[in-house]
C-alpha atoms as a PDB file:
ATOM      1  CA  VAL A   1     -10.349  10.306   1.746  1.00  0.00           C
ATOM      2  CA  LEU A   2      -7.164   8.507   1.750  1.00  0.00           C
ATOM      3  CA  PHE A   3      -5.178  10.680   2.761  1.00  0.00           C
ATOM      4  CA  VAL A   4      -7.252  11.857   5.486  1.00  0.00           C
ATOM      5  CA  VAL A   5      -7.966   8.241   6.478  1.00  0.00           C
ATOM      6  CA  PHE A   6      -4.085   7.606   6.643  1.00  0.00           C
ATOM      7  CA  GLY A   7      -3.848  11.163   8.574  1.00  0.00           C
ATOM      8  CA  LEU A   8      -6.230  10.025  11.236  1.00  0.00           C
ATOM      9  CA  LEU A   9      -5.279   6.589  11.755  1.00  0.00           C
ATOM     10  CA  ASN A  10      -1.344   8.076  12.183  1.00  0.00           C
ATOM     11  CA  SER A  11      -2.308  10.241  14.831  1.00  0.00           C
ATOM     12  CA  LEU A  12      -4.066   7.636  16.732  1.00  0.00           C
ATOM     13  CA  PHE A  13      -1.122   5.115  16.236  1.00  0.00           C
ATOM     14  CA  GLU A  14       1.556   7.465  16.297  1.00  0.00           C
ATOM     15  CA  GLY A  15       4.098   5.576  18.219  1.00  0.00           C
ATOM     16  CA  LYS A  16       2.728   2.053  19.097  1.00  0.00           C
ATOM     17  CA  VAL A  17       3.682  -1.347  17.260  1.00  0.00           C
ATOM     18  CA  VAL A  18       0.026  -2.626  15.705  1.00  0.00           C
ATOM     19  CA  ALA A  19       1.532  -5.347  13.986  1.00  0.00           C
ATOM     20  CA  LYS A  20       4.479  -8.638  14.325  1.00  0.00           C
ATOM     21  CA  LEU A  21       5.996  -8.837  11.099  1.00  0.00           C
ATOM     22  CA  PRO A  22       6.650 -13.171  10.781  1.00  0.00           C
ATOM     23  CA  PHE A  23       9.508 -11.884   9.213  1.00  0.00           C
ATOM     24  CA  LYS A  24      12.925  -9.840   9.389  1.00  0.00           C
ATOM     25  CA  PRO A  25      12.460  -7.459   7.114  1.00  0.00           C
ATOM     26  CA  PHE A  26      15.515  -6.003   4.949  1.00  0.00           C
ATOM     27  CA  GLY A  27      17.075  -2.471   4.534  1.00  0.00           C
ATOM     28  CA  LEU A  28      14.327  -0.117   2.581  1.00  0.00           C
ATOM     29  CA  ILE A  29      11.568  -2.441   3.841  1.00  0.00           C
ATOM     30  CA  MET A  30      12.958  -2.229   6.989  1.00  0.00           C
ATOM     31  CA  LYS A  31      12.740   1.731   6.847  1.00  0.00           C
ATOM     32  CA  MET A  32       9.414   0.830   6.428  1.00  0.00           C
ATOM     33  CA  SER A  33       7.771  -1.237   8.453  1.00  0.00           C
ATOM     34  CA  HIS A  34       9.716   0.358  11.856  1.00  0.00           C
ATOM     35  CA  ARG A  35       8.439   4.061  10.666  1.00  0.00           C
ATOM     36  CA  GLY A  36       8.170   5.904  13.980  1.00  0.00           C
ATOM     37  CA  LEU A  37       9.111   2.925  16.561  1.00  0.00           C
ATOM     38  CA  GLN A  38      10.753   3.084  19.248  1.00  0.00           C
ATOM     39  CA  GLY A  39      12.818   0.035  19.459  1.00  0.00           C
ATOM     40  CA  ASN A  40      15.054  -2.156  17.835  1.00  0.00           C
ATOM     41  CA  ASP A  41      13.109  -5.338  17.410  1.00  0.00           C
ATOM     42  CA  PRO A  42      13.135  -5.092  13.400  1.00  0.00           C
ATOM     43  CA  THR A  43       9.498  -7.437  13.514  1.00  0.00           C
ATOM     44  CA  ASP A  44       8.085  -4.485  14.805  1.00  0.00           C
ATOM     45  CA  CYS A  45       5.186  -3.319  12.120  1.00  0.00           C
ATOM     46  CA  SER A  46       4.044   0.819  12.046  1.00  0.00           C
ATOM     47  CA  MET A  47       0.774   1.597  11.382  1.00  0.00           C
ATOM     48  CA  ALA A  48       1.724   3.447   7.922  1.00  0.00           C
ATOM     49  CA  PHE A  49       3.651   0.210   6.858  1.00  0.00           C
ATOM     50  CA  LEU A  50       0.333  -1.823   7.185  1.00  0.00           C
ATOM     51  CA  TYR A  51      -1.759   0.727   6.010  1.00  0.00           C
ATOM     52  CA  PHE A  52       0.470   0.961   3.181  1.00  0.00           C
ATOM     53  CA  LEU A  53       0.226  -3.372   2.592  1.00  0.00           C
ATOM     54  CA  CYS A  54      -3.936  -3.027   2.974  1.00  0.00           C
ATOM     55  CA  SER A  55      -4.217  -0.368   0.402  1.00  0.00           C
ATOM     56  CA  ILE A  56      -1.839  -2.167  -2.210  1.00  0.00           C
ATOM     57  CA  SER A  57      -3.938  -5.522  -1.899  1.00  0.00           C
ATOM     58  CA  ILE A  58      -7.516  -4.444  -1.319  1.00  0.00           C
ATOM     59  CA  ARG A  59      -7.620  -1.275  -4.251  1.00  0.00           C
ATOM     60  CA  THR A  60      -7.385  -4.174  -6.925  1.00  0.00           C
ATOM     61  CA  ASN A  61      -9.858  -6.155  -5.807  1.00  0.00           C
ATOM     62  CA  LEU A  62     -11.948  -3.380  -4.515  1.00  0.00           C
ATOM     63  CA  GLN A  63     -11.960  -1.601  -7.813  1.00  0.00           C
ATOM     64  CA  LYS A  64     -12.993  -4.813  -9.699  1.00  0.00           C
ATOM     65  CA  PHE A  65     -15.791  -5.359  -7.893  1.00  0.00           C
ATOM     66  CA  LEU A  66     -17.075  -1.678  -7.951  1.00  0.00           C
ATOM     67  CA  GLY A  67     -16.765  -1.610 -11.624  1.00  0.00           C
ATOM     68  CA  PHE A  68     -13.817   1.558 -11.332  1.00  0.00           C
ATOM     69  CA  ALA A  69     -11.006  -0.832 -13.411  1.00  0.00           C
ATOM     70  CA  PRO A  70     -10.432  -0.789 -16.757  1.00  0.00           C
ATOM     71  CA  PRO A  71     -11.290  -4.121 -18.708  1.00  0.00           C
ATOM     72  CA  ARG A  72      -8.621  -6.818 -19.175  1.00  0.00           C
ATOM     73  CA  GLY A  73      -7.761  -6.019 -22.784  1.00  0.00           C
ATOM     74  CA  ALA A  74      -7.035  -2.387 -21.681  1.00  0.00           C
ATOM     75  CA  SER A  75      -3.392  -1.019 -22.030  1.00  0.00           C
ATOM     76  CA  VAL A  76      -2.840   0.578 -18.436  1.00  0.00           C
ATOM     77  CA  GLY A  77       0.454   1.972 -18.730  1.00  0.00           C
ATOM     78  CA  LEU A  78       1.597   5.783 -20.258  1.00  0.00           C
ATOM     79  CA  PHE A  79       2.370   4.829 -23.671  1.00  0.00           C
ATOM     80  CA  PRO A  80      -0.233   2.542 -25.106  1.00  0.00           C
ATOM     81  CA  MET A  81       0.087   0.460 -28.112  1.00  0.00           C
ATOM     82  CA  PRO A  82      -1.814   2.548 -31.128  1.00  0.00           C
ATOM     83  CA  ASP A  83      -4.615   0.561 -32.545  1.00  0.00           C
ATOM     84  CA  PRO A  84      -3.225  -0.688 -36.052  1.00  0.00           C
ATOM     85  CA  LYS A  85      -6.897  -0.713 -37.446  1.00  0.00           C
ATOM     86  CA  THR A  86      -7.557   3.145 -36.659  1.00  0.00           C
ATOM     87  CA  SER A  87      -4.489   3.829 -38.999  1.00  0.00           C
END
Protein backbone atom coordinates (compact mmCIF):
# COMPACT_ATOMS: atom_id res chain seq x y z
CA VAL A 1 0.00 0.00 0.00
CA LEU A 2 2.82 2.40 0.85
CA PHE A 3 4.46 1.87 -2.55
CA VAL A 4 1.20 2.55 -4.39
CA VAL A 5 0.57 5.74 -2.40
CA PHE A 6 4.18 6.85 -2.94
CA GLY A 7 3.90 6.26 -6.70
CA LEU A 8 0.62 8.16 -6.92
CA LEU A 9 1.91 11.13 -4.93
CA ASN A 10 5.18 11.13 -6.83
CA SER A 11 3.37 11.39 -10.15
CA LEU A 12 1.06 14.15 -8.86
CA PHE A 13 3.83 16.31 -7.36
CA GLU A 14 6.66 15.55 -9.79
CA GLY A 15 8.96 18.57 -10.11
CA LYS A 16 6.92 20.71 -7.69
CA VAL A 17 8.15 22.24 -4.45
CA VAL A 18 5.86 20.99 -1.67
CA ALA A 19 7.59 22.56 1.35
CA LYS A 20 10.30 24.99 2.40
CA LEU A 21 12.81 23.68 4.91
CA PRO A 22 13.66 26.01 7.82
CA PHE A 23 17.37 25.15 7.42
CA LYS A 24 19.90 24.57 4.68
CA PRO A 25 20.49 20.80 4.55
CA PHE A 26 23.98 19.41 4.02
CA GLY A 27 25.42 16.93 1.52
CA LEU A 28 23.43 13.74 1.22
CA ILE A 29 20.37 15.21 2.93
CA MET A 30 20.27 18.04 0.37
CA LYS A 31 20.39 15.54 -2.49
CA MET A 32 17.45 13.66 -0.96
CA SER A 33 15.39 16.76 -0.16
CA HIS A 34 15.96 18.38 -3.58
CA ARG A 35 15.45 15.20 -5.64
CA GLY A 36 13.59 15.88 -8.89
CA LEU A 37 13.31 19.65 -8.40
CA GLN A 38 14.55 22.40 -10.73
CA GLY A 39 16.48 25.37 -9.38
CA ASN A 40 19.21 25.85 -6.83
CA ASP A 41 17.35 26.86 -3.66
CA PRO A 42 18.56 24.34 -1.02
CA THR A 43 15.54 24.99 1.21
CA ASP A 44 13.11 23.58 -1.39
CA CYS A 45 11.69 20.21 -0.41
CA SER A 46 10.40 17.53 -2.77
CA MET A 47 7.45 15.25 -2.13
CA ALA A 48 9.70 12.21 -1.73
CA PHE A 49 11.64 13.73 1.17
CA LEU A 50 8.51 14.99 2.91
CA TYR A 51 6.87 11.56 2.48
CA PHE A 52 9.96 9.91 3.96
CA LEU A 53 9.98 12.22 6.99
CA CYS A 54 6.28 11.72 7.60
CA SER A 55 6.44 7.95 7.21
CA ILE A 56 9.24 7.48 9.71
CA SER A 57 7.66 9.80 12.25
CA ILE A 58 4.10 8.52 11.96
CA ARG A 59 4.76 4.79 11.47
CA THR A 60 5.95 4.00 15.00
CA ASN A 61 3.18 5.96 16.67
CA LEU A 62 0.58 4.34 14.42
CA GLN A 63 1.99 0.87 15.17
CA LYS A 64 1.78 1.52 18.90
CA PHE A 65 -1.75 2.89 18.62
CA LEU A 66 -3.00 -0.06 16.54
CA GLY A 67 -1.16 -2.63 18.65
CA PHE A 68 1.24 -3.87 15.96
CA ALA A 69 4.41 -2.80 17.77
CA PRO A 70 6.37 -5.39 19.75
CA PRO A 71 6.26 -5.11 23.54
CA ARG A 72 8.75 -2.72 25.14
CA GLY A 73 10.93 -5.48 26.55
CA ALA A 74 11.08 -7.48 23.33
CA SER A 75 14.35 -7.55 21.41
CA VAL A 76 13.96 -6.18 17.90
CA GLY A 77 17.49 -6.83 16.58
CA LEU A 78 18.55 -9.46 14.10
CA PHE A 79 20.33 -11.42 16.81
CA PRO A 80 18.28 -11.23 20.01
CA MET A 81 19.84 -12.14 23.33
CA PRO A 82 19.10 -15.76 24.29
CA ASP A 83 16.84 -16.30 27.26
CA PRO A 84 19.00 -17.81 30.06
CA LYS A 85 15.96 -19.48 31.68
CA THR A 86 15.39 -21.81 28.71
CA SER A 87 18.93 -23.29 28.61
